């Protein structure tokens, strides 16, 4: 039964997840953590971290890891958990695949139409809002600790600030920033 729910959930996310993988993060979190309780927020945060570090789109990687974790947390192991990964990934990609086939010719024909241009202009703020929601969802006590533990709290805040400044203004390569942040994260172990 979990496979059917996984398919429906990730099909809906794929259908309404405009703006790419990062915009889908808040939708995925709302479903797998808040609605279905397939995983904890800490597990979801780990899924996002792994999804960003592995090759491929973050939305698809997240669906793959969420499908595996959801089925694993439901008490299945091995092949069944991998089937959960495949189900979530396929369901996430399927709406885009279908829609791209259906509208590719129409879009090229009506691309200059003012109504079509207006629709895409209206989608841009929604995409920015979804990206902002994804960022805010990851800014929680599980990821930044709390001021009750000042050492870990200030390291977490410092890592966030240095990463933001490094990528935004200093234009440091994001791969290097991941390495620097991993080294800084090791300080959280002590």
N, C-alpha and C. Protein backbone atom coordinates (compact mmCIF):
# COMPACT_ATOMS: atom_id res chain seq x y z
N UNK A 1 0.82 -1.20 0.00
CA UNK A 1 0.00 0.00 0.00
C UNK A 1 0.86 1.27 0.00
N UNK A 2 2.03 1.19 0.66
CA UNK A 2 2.90 2.37 0.70
C UNK A 2 3.38 2.74 -0.69
N UNK A 3 3.52 1.76 -1.58
CA UNK A 3 3.98 2.05 -2.93
C UNK A 3 2.96 2.88 -3.70
N UNK A 4 1.69 2.59 -3.51
CA UNK A 4 0.64 3.37 -4.16
C UNK A 4 0.65 4.81 -3.65
N UNK A 5 0.76 4.97 -2.32
CA UNK A 5 0.82 6.32 -1.74
C UNK A 5 2.08 7.06 -2.19
N UNK A 6 3.20 6.36 -2.27
CA UNK A 6 4.43 6.98 -2.77
C UNK A 6 4.23 7.47 -4.20
N UNK A 7 3.65 6.61 -5.04
CA UNK A 7 3.44 6.99 -6.43
C UNK A 7 2.55 8.22 -6.54
N UNK A 8 1.42 8.20 -5.86
CA UNK A 8 0.47 9.33 -5.94
C UNK A 8 1.10 10.60 -5.40
N UNK A 9 1.77 10.49 -4.26
CA UNK A 9 2.39 11.67 -3.64
C UNK A 9 3.43 12.30 -4.55
N UNK A 10 4.35 11.49 -5.07
CA UNK A 10 5.41 12.05 -5.89
C UNK A 10 4.93 12.42 -7.29
N UNK A 11 3.86 11.80 -7.77
CA UNK A 11 3.26 12.23 -9.02
C UNK A 11 2.69 13.64 -8.86
N UNK A 12 1.99 13.88 -7.74
CA UNK A 12 1.45 15.22 -7.47
C UNK A 12 2.57 16.25 -7.35
N UNK A 13 3.65 15.89 -6.66
CA UNK A 13 4.78 16.81 -6.51
C UNK A 13 5.38 17.11 -7.88
N UNK A 14 5.54 16.09 -8.70
CA UNK A 14 6.07 16.28 -10.04
C UNK A 14 5.15 17.12 -10.92
N UNK A 15 3.86 17.01 -10.70
CA UNK A 15 2.89 17.75 -11.50
C UNK A 15 2.85 19.23 -11.12
N UNK A 16 2.99 19.52 -9.82
CA UNK A 16 2.86 20.90 -9.35
C UNK A 16 4.17 21.53 -8.92
N UNK A 17 5.27 20.84 -9.09
CA UNK A 17 6.57 21.36 -8.65
C UNK A 17 7.25 22.21 -9.69
N UNK A 18 6.73 23.39 -9.96
CA UNK A 18 7.35 24.30 -10.92
C UNK A 18 8.62 24.88 -10.32
N UNK A 19 9.62 25.07 -11.16
CA UNK A 19 10.83 25.74 -10.72
C UNK A 19 12.00 24.82 -10.47
N UNK A 20 11.86 23.55 -10.74
CA UNK A 20 12.98 22.64 -10.58
C UNK A 20 13.07 22.02 -9.21
N UNK A 21 14.18 21.33 -8.99
CA UNK A 21 14.38 20.54 -7.79
C UNK A 21 14.36 21.32 -6.50
N UNK A 22 15.02 22.47 -6.47
CA UNK A 22 15.06 23.24 -5.23
C UNK A 22 13.68 23.75 -4.85
N UNK A 23 12.89 24.08 -5.84
CA UNK A 23 11.53 24.54 -5.55
C UNK A 23 10.66 23.39 -5.05
N UNK A 24 11.02 22.15 -5.39
CA UNK A 24 10.25 20.98 -4.95
C UNK A 24 10.54 20.59 -3.50
N UNK A 25 11.64 21.06 -2.96
CA UNK A 25 12.05 20.62 -1.62
C UNK A 25 10.96 20.88 -0.59
N UNK A 26 10.36 22.06 -0.62
CA UNK A 26 9.31 22.35 0.36
C UNK A 26 8.08 21.49 0.13
N UNK A 27 7.76 21.18 -1.13
CA UNK A 27 6.63 20.30 -1.42
C UNK A 27 6.91 18.88 -0.91
N UNK A 28 8.11 18.40 -1.17
CA UNK A 28 8.48 17.06 -0.71
C UNK A 28 8.45 16.99 0.81
N UNK A 29 9.01 18.00 1.46
CA UNK A 29 9.02 18.02 2.93
C UNK A 29 7.61 18.04 3.48
N UNK A 30 6.74 18.82 2.88
CA UNK A 30 5.36 18.89 3.35
C UNK A 30 4.65 17.55 3.27
N UNK A 31 5.00 16.76 2.28
CA UNK A 31 4.34 15.47 2.11
C UNK A 31 4.99 14.37 2.95
N UNK A 32 6.30 14.20 2.81
CA UNK A 32 6.94 13.04 3.45
C UNK A 32 7.16 13.21 4.95
N UNK A 33 7.32 14.45 5.40
CA UNK A 33 7.55 14.67 6.84
C UNK A 33 6.26 15.05 7.55
N UNK A 34 5.58 16.06 7.03
CA UNK A 34 4.42 16.62 7.73
C UNK A 34 3.15 15.80 7.52
N UNK A 35 2.84 15.48 6.27
CA UNK A 35 1.57 14.80 5.98
C UNK A 35 1.62 13.30 6.29
N UNK A 36 2.58 12.59 5.72
CA UNK A 36 2.61 11.13 5.82
C UNK A 36 3.49 10.61 6.96
N UNK A 37 4.36 11.44 7.49
CA UNK A 37 5.27 11.04 8.59
C UNK A 37 6.11 9.83 8.21
N UNK A 38 6.57 9.81 6.95
CA UNK A 38 7.40 8.71 6.50
C UNK A 38 8.81 8.82 7.05
N UNK A 39 9.21 10.04 7.43
CA UNK A 39 10.54 10.25 8.00
C UNK A 39 10.52 11.48 8.88
N UNK A 40 11.52 11.59 9.73
CA UNK A 40 11.64 12.75 10.61
C UNK A 40 12.27 13.91 9.85
N UNK A 41 12.20 15.10 10.43
CA UNK A 41 12.82 16.27 9.80
C UNK A 41 14.33 16.08 9.71
N UNK A 42 14.91 15.44 10.71
CA UNK A 42 16.36 15.18 10.67
C UNK A 42 16.72 14.25 9.51
N UNK A 43 15.94 13.21 9.30
CA UNK A 43 16.17 12.31 8.18
C UNK A 43 16.00 13.05 6.85
N UNK A 44 14.99 13.92 6.78
CA UNK A 44 14.76 14.68 5.56
C UNK A 44 15.92 15.62 5.28
N UNK A 45 16.44 16.25 6.31
CA UNK A 45 17.59 17.14 6.15
C UNK A 45 18.79 16.36 5.62
N UNK A 46 18.98 15.16 6.14
CA UNK A 46 20.07 14.31 5.64
C UNK A 46 19.84 13.93 4.18
N UNK A 47 18.59 13.66 3.82
CA UNK A 47 18.26 13.33 2.43
C UNK A 47 18.61 14.50 1.52
N UNK A 48 18.28 15.72 1.94
CA UNK A 48 18.58 16.90 1.12
C UNK A 48 20.08 17.09 0.98
N UNK A 49 20.82 16.90 2.08
CA UNK A 49 22.28 17.05 2.02
C UNK A 49 22.88 16.04 1.06
N UNK A 50 22.45 14.80 1.13
CA UNK A 50 22.97 13.77 0.23
C UNK A 50 22.55 14.05 -1.21
N UNK A 51 21.31 14.51 -1.38
CA UNK A 51 20.81 14.81 -2.72
C UNK A 51 21.59 15.92 -3.40
N UNK A 52 22.05 16.88 -2.61
CA UNK A 52 22.81 17.99 -3.19
C UNK A 52 24.23 17.58 -3.51
N UNK A 53 24.76 16.60 -2.80
CA UNK A 53 26.15 16.21 -3.01
C UNK A 53 26.32 15.15 -4.09
N UNK A 54 25.25 14.45 -4.44
CA UNK A 54 25.36 13.42 -5.46
C UNK A 54 25.04 14.00 -6.84
N UNK A 55 25.60 13.42 -7.89
CA UNK A 55 25.32 13.93 -9.24
C UNK A 55 23.85 13.80 -9.61
N UNK A 56 23.36 14.76 -10.35
CA UNK A 56 21.98 14.72 -10.82
C UNK A 56 21.14 15.82 -10.19
N UNK A 57 19.92 15.97 -10.70
CA UNK A 57 19.03 17.01 -10.18
C UNK A 57 18.62 16.72 -8.73
N UNK A 58 18.59 17.76 -7.93
CA UNK A 58 18.32 17.59 -6.50
C UNK A 58 16.90 17.08 -6.24
N UNK A 59 15.94 17.46 -7.07
CA UNK A 59 14.56 16.99 -6.88
C UNK A 59 14.44 15.49 -7.12
N UNK A 60 15.07 15.02 -8.18
CA UNK A 60 15.02 13.58 -8.48
C UNK A 60 15.80 12.79 -7.45
N UNK A 61 16.98 13.30 -7.07
CA UNK A 61 17.76 12.62 -6.03
C UNK A 61 16.98 12.55 -4.72
N UNK A 62 16.30 13.64 -4.38
CA UNK A 62 15.50 13.66 -3.14
C UNK A 62 14.38 12.63 -3.20
N UNK A 63 13.71 12.56 -4.33
CA UNK A 63 12.63 11.57 -4.48
C UNK A 63 13.17 10.16 -4.34
N UNK A 64 14.33 9.91 -4.92
CA UNK A 64 14.94 8.58 -4.84
C UNK A 64 15.24 8.21 -3.39
N UNK A 65 15.89 9.12 -2.67
CA UNK A 65 16.25 8.84 -1.28
C UNK A 65 15.01 8.80 -0.37
N UNK A 66 14.05 9.68 -0.64
CA UNK A 66 12.82 9.67 0.17
C UNK A 66 12.05 8.38 -0.03
N UNK A 67 11.96 7.91 -1.26
CA UNK A 67 11.27 6.65 -1.53
C UNK A 67 11.92 5.50 -0.80
N UNK A 68 13.25 5.46 -0.84
CA UNK A 68 13.97 4.40 -0.14
C UNK A 68 13.74 4.48 1.37
N UNK A 69 13.90 5.68 1.92
CA UNK A 69 13.76 5.86 3.37
C UNK A 69 12.34 5.57 3.84
N UNK A 70 11.35 6.01 3.07
CA UNK A 70 9.95 5.78 3.45
C UNK A 70 9.64 4.30 3.52
N UNK A 71 10.06 3.55 2.52
CA UNK A 71 9.79 2.12 2.51
C UNK A 71 10.63 1.40 3.58
N UNK A 72 11.86 1.85 3.76
CA UNK A 72 12.71 1.25 4.80
C UNK A 72 12.11 1.50 6.18
N UNK A 73 11.63 2.72 6.44
CA UNK A 73 11.02 3.05 7.73
C UNK A 73 9.69 2.32 7.94
N UNK A 74 9.07 1.88 6.83
CA UNK A 74 7.82 1.12 6.94
C UNK A 74 8.08 -0.35 7.28
N UNK A 75 9.38 -0.73 7.36
CA UNK A 75 9.71 -2.08 7.79
C UNK A 75 10.20 -3.00 6.69
N UNK A 76 10.41 -2.47 5.50
CA UNK A 76 10.90 -3.29 4.39
C UNK A 76 12.40 -3.02 4.20
N UNK A 77 13.11 -4.00 3.70
CA UNK A 77 14.53 -3.84 3.45
C UNK A 77 14.88 -4.27 2.04
N UNK A 78 16.13 -4.02 1.68
CA UNK A 78 16.69 -4.53 0.44
C UNK A 78 15.95 -4.15 -0.82
N UNK A 79 15.49 -5.16 -1.54
CA UNK A 79 14.87 -4.95 -2.84
C UNK A 79 13.60 -4.11 -2.73
N UNK A 80 12.83 -4.30 -1.67
CA UNK A 80 11.59 -3.54 -1.51
C UNK A 80 11.88 -2.04 -1.31
N UNK A 81 12.93 -1.74 -0.54
CA UNK A 81 13.30 -0.33 -0.34
C UNK A 81 13.80 0.28 -1.65
N UNK A 82 14.54 -0.51 -2.44
CA UNK A 82 14.98 -0.01 -3.75
C UNK A 82 13.79 0.19 -4.69
N UNK A 83 12.78 -0.66 -4.56
CA UNK A 83 11.56 -0.49 -5.35
C UNK A 83 10.85 0.81 -4.94
N UNK A 84 10.92 1.16 -3.66
CA UNK A 84 10.38 2.44 -3.20
C UNK A 84 11.10 3.61 -3.84
N UNK A 85 12.44 3.51 -3.97
CA UNK A 85 13.22 4.54 -4.66
C UNK A 85 12.77 4.68 -6.11
N UNK A 86 12.64 3.54 -6.78
CA UNK A 86 12.24 3.56 -8.19
C UNK A 86 10.83 4.12 -8.36
N UNK A 87 9.93 3.76 -7.46
CA UNK A 87 8.55 4.24 -7.53
C UNK A 87 8.48 5.75 -7.38
N UNK A 88 9.14 6.28 -6.36
CA UNK A 88 9.12 7.73 -6.12
C UNK A 88 9.78 8.49 -7.27
N UNK A 89 10.89 7.98 -7.76
CA UNK A 89 11.60 8.66 -8.85
C UNK A 89 10.77 8.65 -10.13
N UNK A 90 10.23 7.50 -10.47
CA UNK A 90 9.41 7.39 -11.68
C UNK A 90 8.18 8.29 -11.59
N UNK A 91 7.54 8.30 -10.42
CA UNK A 91 6.33 9.12 -10.25
C UNK A 91 6.65 10.61 -10.33
N UNK A 92 7.81 11.03 -9.86
CA UNK A 92 8.19 12.44 -9.91
C UNK A 92 8.47 12.89 -11.34
N UNK A 93 9.08 12.01 -12.13
CA UNK A 93 9.48 12.36 -13.49
C UNK A 93 8.32 12.22 -14.49
N UNK A 94 7.40 11.33 -14.22
CA UNK A 94 6.33 11.03 -15.17
C UNK A 94 5.49 12.24 -15.60
N UNK A 95 5.02 13.10 -14.69
CA UNK A 95 4.22 14.24 -15.15
C UNK A 95 4.98 15.17 -16.09
N UNK A 96 6.24 15.42 -15.79
CA UNK A 96 7.04 16.29 -16.67
C UNK A 96 7.21 15.64 -18.04
N UNK A 97 7.45 14.37 -18.04
CA UNK A 97 7.61 13.65 -19.31
C UNK A 97 6.34 13.74 -20.15
N UNK A 98 5.22 13.49 -19.53
CA UNK A 98 3.94 13.54 -20.25
C UNK A 98 3.64 14.96 -20.74
N UNK A 99 3.80 15.92 -19.84
CA UNK A 99 3.51 17.31 -20.21
C UNK A 99 4.43 17.83 -21.30
N UNK A 100 5.71 17.47 -21.24
CA UNK A 100 6.64 17.93 -22.26
C UNK A 100 6.28 17.37 -23.63
N UNK A 101 5.85 16.14 -23.67
CA UNK A 101 5.43 15.55 -24.95
C UNK A 101 4.19 16.26 -25.47
N UNK A 102 3.23 16.52 -24.57
CA UNK A 102 1.96 17.11 -25.00
C UNK A 102 2.07 18.57 -25.42
N UNK A 103 2.91 19.34 -24.73
CA UNK A 103 2.91 20.78 -25.00
C UNK A 103 4.10 21.27 -25.81
N UNK A 104 5.05 20.42 -26.13
CA UNK A 104 6.25 20.91 -26.82
C UNK A 104 5.91 21.58 -28.15
N UNK A 105 5.07 20.96 -28.94
CA UNK A 105 4.71 21.56 -30.22
C UNK A 105 3.83 22.80 -30.05
N UNK A 106 2.89 22.72 -29.11
CA UNK A 106 2.02 23.88 -28.88
C UNK A 106 2.81 25.08 -28.36
N UNK A 107 3.78 24.83 -27.49
CA UNK A 107 4.55 25.92 -26.92
C UNK A 107 5.33 26.66 -28.00
N UNK A 108 5.95 25.91 -28.89
CA UNK A 108 6.71 26.55 -29.96
C UNK A 108 5.79 27.38 -30.85
N UNK A 109 4.57 26.93 -31.03
CA UNK A 109 3.63 27.64 -31.89
C UNK A 109 3.11 28.91 -31.22
N UNK A 110 2.84 28.84 -29.88
CA UNK A 110 2.21 29.96 -29.18
C UNK A 110 3.16 30.69 -28.24
N UNK A 111 4.45 30.51 -28.39
CA UNK A 111 5.43 31.09 -27.48
C UNK A 111 5.34 32.62 -27.42
N UNK A 112 5.04 33.26 -28.51
CA UNK A 112 4.98 34.73 -28.56
C UNK A 112 3.62 35.29 -28.15
N UNK A 113 2.68 34.43 -27.86
CA UNK A 113 1.33 34.85 -27.47
C UNK A 113 1.40 35.58 -26.12
N UNK A 114 0.74 36.76 -25.99
CA UNK A 114 0.79 37.52 -24.74
C UNK A 114 0.20 36.76 -23.54
N UNK A 115 -0.78 35.92 -23.78
CA UNK A 115 -1.37 35.15 -22.67
C UNK A 115 -0.35 34.15 -22.14
N UNK A 116 0.35 33.47 -23.03
CA UNK A 116 1.37 32.50 -22.61
C UNK A 116 2.49 33.23 -21.87
N UNK A 117 2.89 34.38 -22.38
CA UNK A 117 3.93 35.17 -21.71
C UNK A 117 3.47 35.59 -20.31
N UNK A 118 2.21 35.95 -20.18
CA UNK A 118 1.68 36.35 -18.87
C UNK A 118 1.65 35.19 -17.88
N UNK A 119 1.31 34.01 -18.37
CA UNK A 119 1.31 32.83 -17.50
C UNK A 119 2.70 32.59 -16.93
N UNK A 120 3.73 32.65 -17.78
CA UNK A 120 5.09 32.43 -17.31
C UNK A 120 5.57 33.56 -16.40
N UNK A 121 5.10 34.77 -16.66
CA UNK A 121 5.44 35.87 -15.75
C UNK A 121 4.82 35.66 -14.38
N UNK A 122 3.65 35.07 -14.33
CA UNK A 122 3.01 34.79 -13.05
C UNK A 122 3.66 33.64 -12.30
N UNK A 123 4.26 32.72 -13.03
CA UNK A 123 4.92 31.57 -12.38
C UNK A 123 6.24 31.96 -11.73
N UNK A 124 6.92 32.98 -12.22
CA UNK A 124 8.23 33.35 -11.68
C UNK A 124 8.18 33.68 -10.19
N UNK A 125 7.25 34.52 -9.71
CA UNK A 125 7.22 34.79 -8.27
C UNK A 125 6.89 33.54 -7.44
N UNK A 126 6.07 32.66 -7.99
CA UNK A 126 5.75 31.43 -7.27
C UNK A 126 6.99 30.55 -7.12
N UNK A 127 7.82 30.51 -8.14
CA UNK A 127 9.05 29.73 -8.06
C UNK A 127 9.99 30.32 -7.01
N UNK A 128 10.11 31.64 -6.99
CA UNK A 128 10.96 32.30 -5.98
C UNK A 128 10.42 32.00 -4.58
N UNK A 129 9.11 32.01 -4.43
CA UNK A 129 8.50 31.70 -3.12
C UNK A 129 8.78 30.27 -2.69
N UNK A 130 8.70 29.33 -3.63
CA UNK A 130 9.00 27.93 -3.30
C UNK A 130 10.46 27.75 -2.92
N UNK A 131 11.36 28.44 -3.61
CA UNK A 131 12.78 28.36 -3.26
C UNK A 131 13.03 28.95 -1.87
N UNK A 132 12.37 30.08 -1.58
CA UNK A 132 12.50 30.68 -0.24
C UNK A 132 11.95 29.77 0.84
N UNK A 133 10.82 29.12 0.55
CA UNK A 133 10.23 28.19 1.52
C UNK A 133 11.16 27.02 1.79
N UNK A 134 11.83 26.54 0.74
CA UNK A 134 12.78 25.44 0.92
C UNK A 134 13.93 25.85 1.81
N UNK A 135 14.43 27.07 1.61
CA UNK A 135 15.53 27.55 2.45
C UNK A 135 15.09 27.71 3.89
N UNK A 136 13.91 28.26 4.10
CA UNK A 136 13.42 28.46 5.47
C UNK A 136 13.12 27.15 6.18
N UNK A 137 12.68 26.14 5.44
CA UNK A 137 12.41 24.84 6.05
C UNK A 137 13.67 24.21 6.62
N UNK A 138 14.80 24.49 5.98
CA UNK A 138 16.05 23.90 6.44
C UNK A 138 16.72 24.74 7.53
N UNK A 139 16.20 25.92 7.80
CA UNK A 139 16.74 26.76 8.88
C UNK A 139 15.96 26.48 10.15
N UNK A 140 16.32 25.38 10.81
CA UNK A 140 15.63 25.01 12.04
C UNK A 140 16.65 24.59 13.08
N UNK A 141 16.17 24.31 14.28
CA UNK A 141 17.06 23.97 15.38
C UNK A 141 17.83 22.69 15.12
N UNK A 142 17.29 21.78 14.33
CA UNK A 142 18.01 20.54 14.03
C UNK A 142 19.24 20.79 13.18
N UNK A 143 19.22 21.83 12.37
CA UNK A 143 20.35 22.13 11.50
C UNK A 143 21.28 23.20 12.06
N UNK A 144 20.77 24.09 12.89
CA UNK A 144 21.57 25.18 13.41
C UNK A 144 21.81 25.08 14.92
N UNK A 145 21.32 24.02 15.50
CA UNK A 145 21.39 23.87 16.95
C UNK A 145 20.68 25.06 17.60
N UNK A 146 20.86 25.27 18.87
CA UNK A 146 20.19 26.37 19.56
C UNK A 146 21.22 27.12 20.38
N UNK A 147 20.90 28.35 20.79
CA UNK A 147 21.84 29.10 21.62
C UNK A 147 22.14 28.43 22.96
N UNK A 148 21.36 27.42 23.33
CA UNK A 148 21.64 26.69 24.57
C UNK A 148 22.97 25.94 24.46
N UNK A 149 23.38 25.61 23.24
CA UNK A 149 24.68 24.99 22.98
C UNK A 149 25.48 25.97 22.13
N UNK A 150 26.08 27.00 22.78
CA UNK A 150 26.66 28.12 22.03
C UNK A 150 27.76 27.71 21.04
N UNK A 151 28.60 26.74 21.40
CA UNK A 151 29.68 26.32 20.51
C UNK A 151 29.12 25.83 19.18
N UNK A 152 28.20 24.90 19.20
CA UNK A 152 27.62 24.34 17.97
C UNK A 152 26.72 25.35 17.26
N UNK A 153 26.01 26.15 18.03
CA UNK A 153 25.14 27.17 17.42
C UNK A 153 25.95 28.15 16.58
N UNK A 154 27.02 28.69 17.15
CA UNK A 154 27.80 29.70 16.43
C UNK A 154 28.59 29.10 15.28
N UNK A 155 29.01 27.85 15.40
CA UNK A 155 29.66 27.19 14.26
C UNK A 155 28.65 27.02 13.13
N UNK A 156 27.43 26.61 13.46
CA UNK A 156 26.40 26.44 12.44
C UNK A 156 26.08 27.76 11.74
N UNK A 157 25.90 28.81 12.54
CA UNK A 157 25.59 30.13 11.97
C UNK A 157 26.77 30.61 11.12
N UNK A 158 27.99 30.41 11.62
CA UNK A 158 29.18 30.84 10.87
C UNK A 158 29.30 30.10 9.55
N UNK A 159 29.05 28.78 9.57
CA UNK A 159 29.09 28.02 8.33
C UNK A 159 28.09 28.55 7.31
N UNK A 160 26.90 28.87 7.79
CA UNK A 160 25.88 29.42 6.90
C UNK A 160 26.34 30.75 6.31
N UNK A 161 26.82 31.65 7.15
CA UNK A 161 27.23 32.98 6.69
C UNK A 161 28.42 32.87 5.74
N UNK A 162 29.44 32.10 6.10
CA UNK A 162 30.61 31.97 5.24
C UNK A 162 30.26 31.33 3.90
N UNK A 163 29.38 30.36 3.91
CA UNK A 163 28.97 29.71 2.66
C UNK A 163 28.19 30.69 1.79
N UNK A 164 27.30 31.44 2.41
CA UNK A 164 26.51 32.42 1.66
C UNK A 164 27.41 33.49 1.05
N UNK A 165 28.28 34.06 1.86
CA UNK A 165 29.19 35.10 1.38
C UNK A 165 30.15 34.53 0.34
N UNK A 166 30.67 33.33 0.59
CA UNK A 166 31.62 32.72 -0.33
C UNK A 166 31.05 32.46 -1.71
N UNK A 167 29.81 32.00 -1.76
CA UNK A 167 29.21 31.72 -3.07
C UNK A 167 28.60 32.95 -3.72
N UNK A 168 28.03 33.85 -2.92
CA UNK A 168 27.34 35.02 -3.47
C UNK A 168 28.31 36.11 -3.93
N UNK A 169 29.24 36.51 -3.05
CA UNK A 169 30.08 37.66 -3.36
C UNK A 169 31.52 37.29 -3.73
N UNK A 170 32.08 36.27 -3.10
CA UNK A 170 33.46 35.90 -3.40
C UNK A 170 33.55 34.95 -4.59
N UNK A 171 32.40 34.45 -5.03
CA UNK A 171 32.31 33.57 -6.20
C UNK A 171 33.22 32.34 -6.08
N UNK A 172 33.29 31.78 -4.87
CA UNK A 172 34.04 30.54 -4.66
C UNK A 172 33.24 29.39 -5.25
N UNK A 173 33.91 28.49 -5.89
CA UNK A 173 33.29 27.33 -6.52
C UNK A 173 32.45 26.58 -5.48
N UNK A 174 31.19 26.26 -5.80
CA UNK A 174 30.33 25.55 -4.83
C UNK A 174 30.90 24.21 -4.38
N UNK A 175 31.64 23.53 -5.24
CA UNK A 175 32.24 22.25 -4.84
C UNK A 175 33.27 22.48 -3.74
N UNK A 176 34.07 23.54 -3.88
CA UNK A 176 35.02 23.87 -2.82
C UNK A 176 34.29 24.25 -1.54
N UNK A 177 33.18 24.99 -1.68
CA UNK A 177 32.42 25.41 -0.50
C UNK A 177 31.86 24.19 0.23
N UNK A 178 31.44 23.17 -0.50
CA UNK A 178 30.96 21.94 0.14
C UNK A 178 32.08 21.32 0.96
N UNK A 179 33.30 21.29 0.39
CA UNK A 179 34.45 20.75 1.11
C UNK A 179 34.77 21.55 2.36
N UNK A 180 34.76 22.88 2.23
CA UNK A 180 35.02 23.74 3.39
C UNK A 180 33.95 23.54 4.47
N UNK A 181 32.70 23.47 4.04
CA UNK A 181 31.61 23.28 5.00
C UNK A 181 31.70 21.91 5.67
N UNK A 182 32.12 20.89 4.92
CA UNK A 182 32.29 19.56 5.53
C UNK A 182 33.38 19.61 6.59
N UNK A 183 34.47 20.30 6.29
CA UNK A 183 35.54 20.44 7.28
C UNK A 183 35.03 21.19 8.52
N UNK A 184 34.29 22.28 8.30
CA UNK A 184 33.71 23.04 9.41
C UNK A 184 32.71 22.20 10.19
N UNK A 185 31.96 21.34 9.48
CA UNK A 185 31.00 20.48 10.14
C UNK A 185 31.67 19.47 11.07
N UNK A 186 32.90 19.08 10.74
CA UNK A 186 33.63 18.17 11.63
C UNK A 186 33.86 18.79 13.00
N UNK A 187 33.91 20.12 13.04
CA UNK A 187 34.09 20.81 14.31
C UNK A 187 32.86 20.62 15.20
N UNK A 188 31.71 20.34 14.58
CA UNK A 188 30.49 20.13 15.34
C UNK A 188 30.51 18.80 16.10
N UNK A 189 31.40 17.92 15.72
CA UNK A 189 31.48 16.62 16.39
C UNK A 189 32.08 16.74 17.79
N UNK A 190 32.81 17.81 18.02
CA UNK A 190 33.49 17.94 19.32
C UNK A 190 32.76 18.86 20.26
